[in-house]
Amino acid sequence: MLEFLYSVDVRLFFFINHTLANPVLDAVMPVLTDFNKLLPVRIGAVLFILYMLLRGGRNGRTMIGVLVLTIIISDQVNSGFLKELFGRVRPCRALEGVRMLVGCGGGLSFPSSHAVNNFAAAAVIGRYYPAQRYYWLVFAAVIAFSRPYVGVHYPSDILAGSIIGAGIGFGLTKLADRFLPGQKSTL
C-alpha cells in the first residue's frame, strides 16, 4: 500500500513539476517559494508587526503574540521533530529528471516547513481577522504549491504540512481564547 501511495505521490510531483511547467510560472514560483527572504517582504513584515502592536488594539497585539508563538512552535515541531521522525529525502535528491528552479536544500522533505508555517500563520491571522481568512489561506496554498513546482517537495509533503500547520494554528488560537479573557475565536 505504501508503494502505491508513493507512486501516486511521484506521479503528482512530476505532473506539477513538468506538465504544468510554463515560462510564467517558471519566473513566478521561485520568487514565491522564497518570498519571505525578499528584503521588501521582511521590511513589510516588521512594519506590519509594529503597526499591529502600536495601532492594532488588543486584537492586533494578541494576534501578533499568538502568531509569533505559533511560528516558533510550528517550525520547531516540524523541523526539529517531524522531519527527523520521518526522515524522507527530498525528491530533488531521490528522483531522476526533476526540474530544479531553486537549490535543492540540505534538509529533509516530509512535511514541508513552508506549508506548516504558512498554514499555521494563516489559521492565526484568519482567526483574529476573519474577513481576511481566505486571502491568507490562498496565499499559504500558493506558497505550498510552489514547493513541488520548483522541485523540492512531494505533494504529500505539502498536504501533510498544510494540515499540521492549520492544526497547530487552530490549536494555539483556541488556547489563547481560553487564557486571554475577552478573546473568543470565530473559528
Protein backbone atom coordinates (compact mmCIF):
# COMPACT_ATOMS: atom_id res chain seq x y z
CA MET A 1 0.00 0.00 0.00
CA LEU A 2 2.82 2.43 0.86
CA GLU A 3 4.46 1.75 -2.50
CA PHE A 4 1.19 2.55 -4.29
CA LEU A 5 0.81 5.83 -2.36
CA TYR A 6 4.43 6.72 -3.10
CA SER A 7 3.90 6.04 -6.82
CA VAL A 8 0.85 8.34 -6.81
CA ASP A 9 2.89 10.98 -4.99
CA VAL A 10 5.69 10.73 -7.58
CA ARG A 11 3.21 10.98 -10.47
CA LEU A 12 1.59 14.05 -8.92
CA PHE A 13 5.02 15.53 -8.29
CA PHE A 14 6.04 15.15 -11.94
CA PHE A 15 2.66 16.46 -13.10
CA ILE A 16 3.25 19.65 -11.11
CA ASN A 17 6.99 19.83 -11.76
CA HIS A 18 6.90 19.01 -15.51
CA THR A 19 3.41 19.03 -17.03
CA LEU A 20 2.33 22.34 -15.52
CA ALA A 21 5.67 23.97 -16.38
CA ASN A 22 5.45 27.19 -18.34
CA PRO A 23 7.54 30.37 -18.66
CA VAL A 24 5.25 32.48 -16.45
CA LEU A 25 5.23 30.03 -13.53
CA ASP A 26 8.94 29.37 -14.05
CA ALA A 27 9.54 33.07 -13.35
CA VAL A 28 7.00 33.47 -10.54
CA MET A 29 7.32 30.27 -8.48
CA PRO A 30 10.99 30.65 -7.46
CA VAL A 31 10.18 34.13 -6.14
CA LEU A 32 7.08 32.90 -4.29
CA THR A 33 8.82 29.89 -2.78
CA ASP A 34 11.39 32.16 -1.14
CA PHE A 35 9.02 35.10 -0.69
CA ASN A 36 9.96 35.57 2.95
CA LYS A 37 13.63 36.08 2.00
CA LEU A 38 12.93 39.19 -0.09
CA LEU A 39 14.09 42.37 1.65
CA PRO A 40 10.88 44.34 0.90
CA VAL A 41 8.83 41.47 2.38
CA ARG A 42 10.97 41.39 5.51
CA ILE A 43 10.66 45.14 5.92
CA GLY A 44 6.91 44.88 5.30
CA ALA A 45 6.61 42.15 7.95
CA VAL A 46 8.42 44.29 10.51
CA LEU A 47 6.22 47.29 9.67
CA PHE A 48 3.10 45.11 9.88
CA ILE A 49 4.14 43.83 13.31
CA LEU A 50 4.91 47.34 14.54
CA TYR A 51 1.62 48.65 13.18
CA MET A 52 -0.34 45.85 14.88
CA LEU A 53 1.48 46.37 18.15
CA LEU A 54 1.01 50.15 18.12
CA ARG A 55 -2.28 50.65 16.29
CA GLY A 56 -3.97 47.26 16.13
CA GLY A 57 -5.58 47.46 19.52
CA ARG A 58 -5.93 44.47 21.77
CA ASN A 59 -6.93 42.22 18.88
CA GLY A 60 -3.84 43.15 16.86
CA ARG A 61 -1.45 42.78 19.79
CA THR A 62 -2.96 39.44 20.73
CA MET A 63 -2.74 38.25 17.13
CA ILE A 64 0.94 39.20 16.91
CA GLY A 65 1.74 37.42 20.17
CA VAL A 66 -0.11 34.27 19.17
CA LEU A 67 1.36 34.44 15.66
CA VAL A 68 4.95 34.68 16.89
CA LEU A 69 4.41 31.83 19.36
CA THR A 70 2.70 29.75 16.67
CA ILE A 71 5.53 30.16 14.15
CA ILE A 72 8.14 29.30 16.77
CA ILE A 73 6.24 26.18 17.83
CA SER A 74 5.22 25.04 14.34
CA ASP A 75 8.73 25.44 12.97
CA GLN A 76 10.36 23.62 15.87
CA VAL A 77 7.82 20.78 15.94
CA ASN A 78 8.19 20.30 12.21
CA SER A 79 11.91 20.81 11.63
CA GLY A 80 13.14 19.53 14.98
CA PHE A 81 10.83 16.55 15.40
CA LEU A 82 8.61 15.51 12.48
CA LYS A 83 11.18 15.77 9.69
CA GLU A 84 13.65 13.77 11.77
CA LEU A 85 10.97 11.23 12.67
CA PHE A 86 10.02 10.57 9.05
CA GLY A 87 13.46 11.13 7.50
CA ARG A 88 12.11 11.50 3.97
CA VAL A 89 14.63 12.59 1.35
CA ARG A 90 13.65 15.45 -0.94
CA PRO A 91 12.50 14.49 -4.45
CA CYS A 92 15.37 16.52 -5.94
CA ARG A 93 17.74 14.06 -4.25
CA ALA A 94 15.67 10.90 -4.72
CA LEU A 95 14.33 11.16 -8.28
CA GLU A 96 15.89 11.47 -11.72
CA GLY A 97 14.78 14.25 -14.07
CA VAL A 98 13.49 16.77 -11.55
CA ARG A 99 13.24 20.32 -12.92
CA MET A 100 15.10 22.39 -10.37
CA LEU A 101 14.23 26.08 -10.26
CA VAL A 102 15.90 26.70 -6.87
CA GLY A 103 18.58 24.90 -4.88
CA CYS A 104 17.57 21.51 -3.51
CA GLY A 105 18.28 22.41 0.10
CA GLY A 106 20.02 20.28 2.65
CA GLY A 107 17.08 19.38 4.85
CA LEU A 108 14.55 16.62 4.79
CA SER A 109 11.27 16.68 2.91
CA PHE A 110 8.30 15.49 4.97
CA PRO A 111 6.38 17.55 5.98
CA SER A 112 7.09 20.82 4.18
CA SER A 113 8.10 23.55 6.63
CA HIS A 114 6.86 26.17 4.18
CA ALA A 115 3.41 24.59 4.28
CA VAL A 116 3.42 24.07 8.05
CA ASN A 117 4.46 27.63 8.88
CA ASN A 118 2.31 29.41 6.28
CA PHE A 119 -0.84 27.47 7.11
CA ALA A 120 -0.21 27.95 10.84
CA ALA A 121 0.11 31.69 10.23
CA ALA A 122 -2.99 31.74 8.00
CA ALA A 123 -5.00 30.00 10.74
CA VAL A 124 -3.91 32.52 13.36
CA ILE A 125 -4.40 35.64 11.23
CA GLY A 126 -7.72 34.29 9.94
CA ARG A 127 -8.94 33.76 13.49
CA TYR A 128 -8.31 37.35 14.51
CA TYR A 129 -9.27 38.88 11.14
CA PRO A 130 -11.92 36.52 9.73
CA ALA A 131 -12.72 38.76 6.75
CA GLN A 132 -9.16 38.12 5.52
CA ARG A 133 -9.11 34.40 6.31
CA TYR A 134 -9.49 33.17 2.72
CA TYR A 135 -6.82 35.53 1.36
CA TRP A 136 -4.30 34.13 3.83
CA LEU A 137 -5.33 30.54 3.12
CA VAL A 138 -4.95 31.12 -0.63
CA PHE A 139 -1.58 32.76 -0.03
CA ALA A 140 -0.44 29.77 2.07
CA ALA A 141 -1.72 27.35 -0.61
CA VAL A 142 0.16 29.17 -3.38
CA ILE A 143 3.39 29.13 -1.36
CA ALA A 144 2.86 25.41 -0.64
CA PHE A 145 2.14 24.67 -4.31
CA SER A 146 5.36 26.41 -5.30
CA ARG A 147 7.40 23.77 -3.47
CA PRO A 148 6.76 20.79 -5.79
CA TYR A 149 6.71 23.16 -8.77
CA VAL A 150 10.31 24.24 -8.07
CA GLY A 151 11.32 20.62 -7.36
CA VAL A 152 11.95 20.44 -3.62
CA HIS A 153 8.85 18.73 -2.14
CA TYR A 154 6.41 15.97 -2.94
CA PRO A 155 2.69 16.86 -2.96
CA SER A 156 2.16 14.74 0.17
CA ASP A 157 4.79 16.88 1.94
CA ILE A 158 2.71 19.99 1.35
CA LEU A 159 -0.61 18.29 2.08
CA ALA A 160 0.64 16.99 5.42
CA GLY A 161 2.33 20.31 6.18
CA SER A 162 -0.88 22.19 5.43
CA ILE A 163 -2.92 20.02 7.77
CA ILE A 164 -0.31 20.08 10.54
CA GLY A 165 0.21 23.83 10.27
CA ALA A 166 -3.50 24.64 10.25
CA GLY A 167 -3.95 22.31 13.23
CA ILE A 168 -1.18 23.98 15.21
CA GLY A 169 -2.51 27.45 14.39
CA PHE A 170 -6.07 26.47 15.25
CA GLY A 171 -4.98 24.77 18.47
CA LEU A 172 -2.92 27.71 19.68
CA THR A 173 -5.71 30.20 18.94
CA LYS A 174 -8.05 28.01 21.00
CA LEU A 175 -5.51 28.02 23.86
CA ALA A 176 -5.23 31.80 23.58
CA ASP A 177 -9.04 32.05 23.73
CA ARG A 178 -9.01 30.07 26.93
CA PHE A 179 -6.27 32.01 28.68
CA LEU A 180 -6.90 35.51 27.36
CA PRO A 181 -10.27 36.79 28.59
CA GLY A 182 -12.33 38.69 26.07
CA GLN A 183 -10.69 36.99 23.07
CA LYS A 184 -13.12 34.47 21.62
CA SER A 185 -12.41 32.53 18.47
CA THR A 186 -14.61 32.86 15.43
CA LEU A 187 -13.43 29.53 14.04
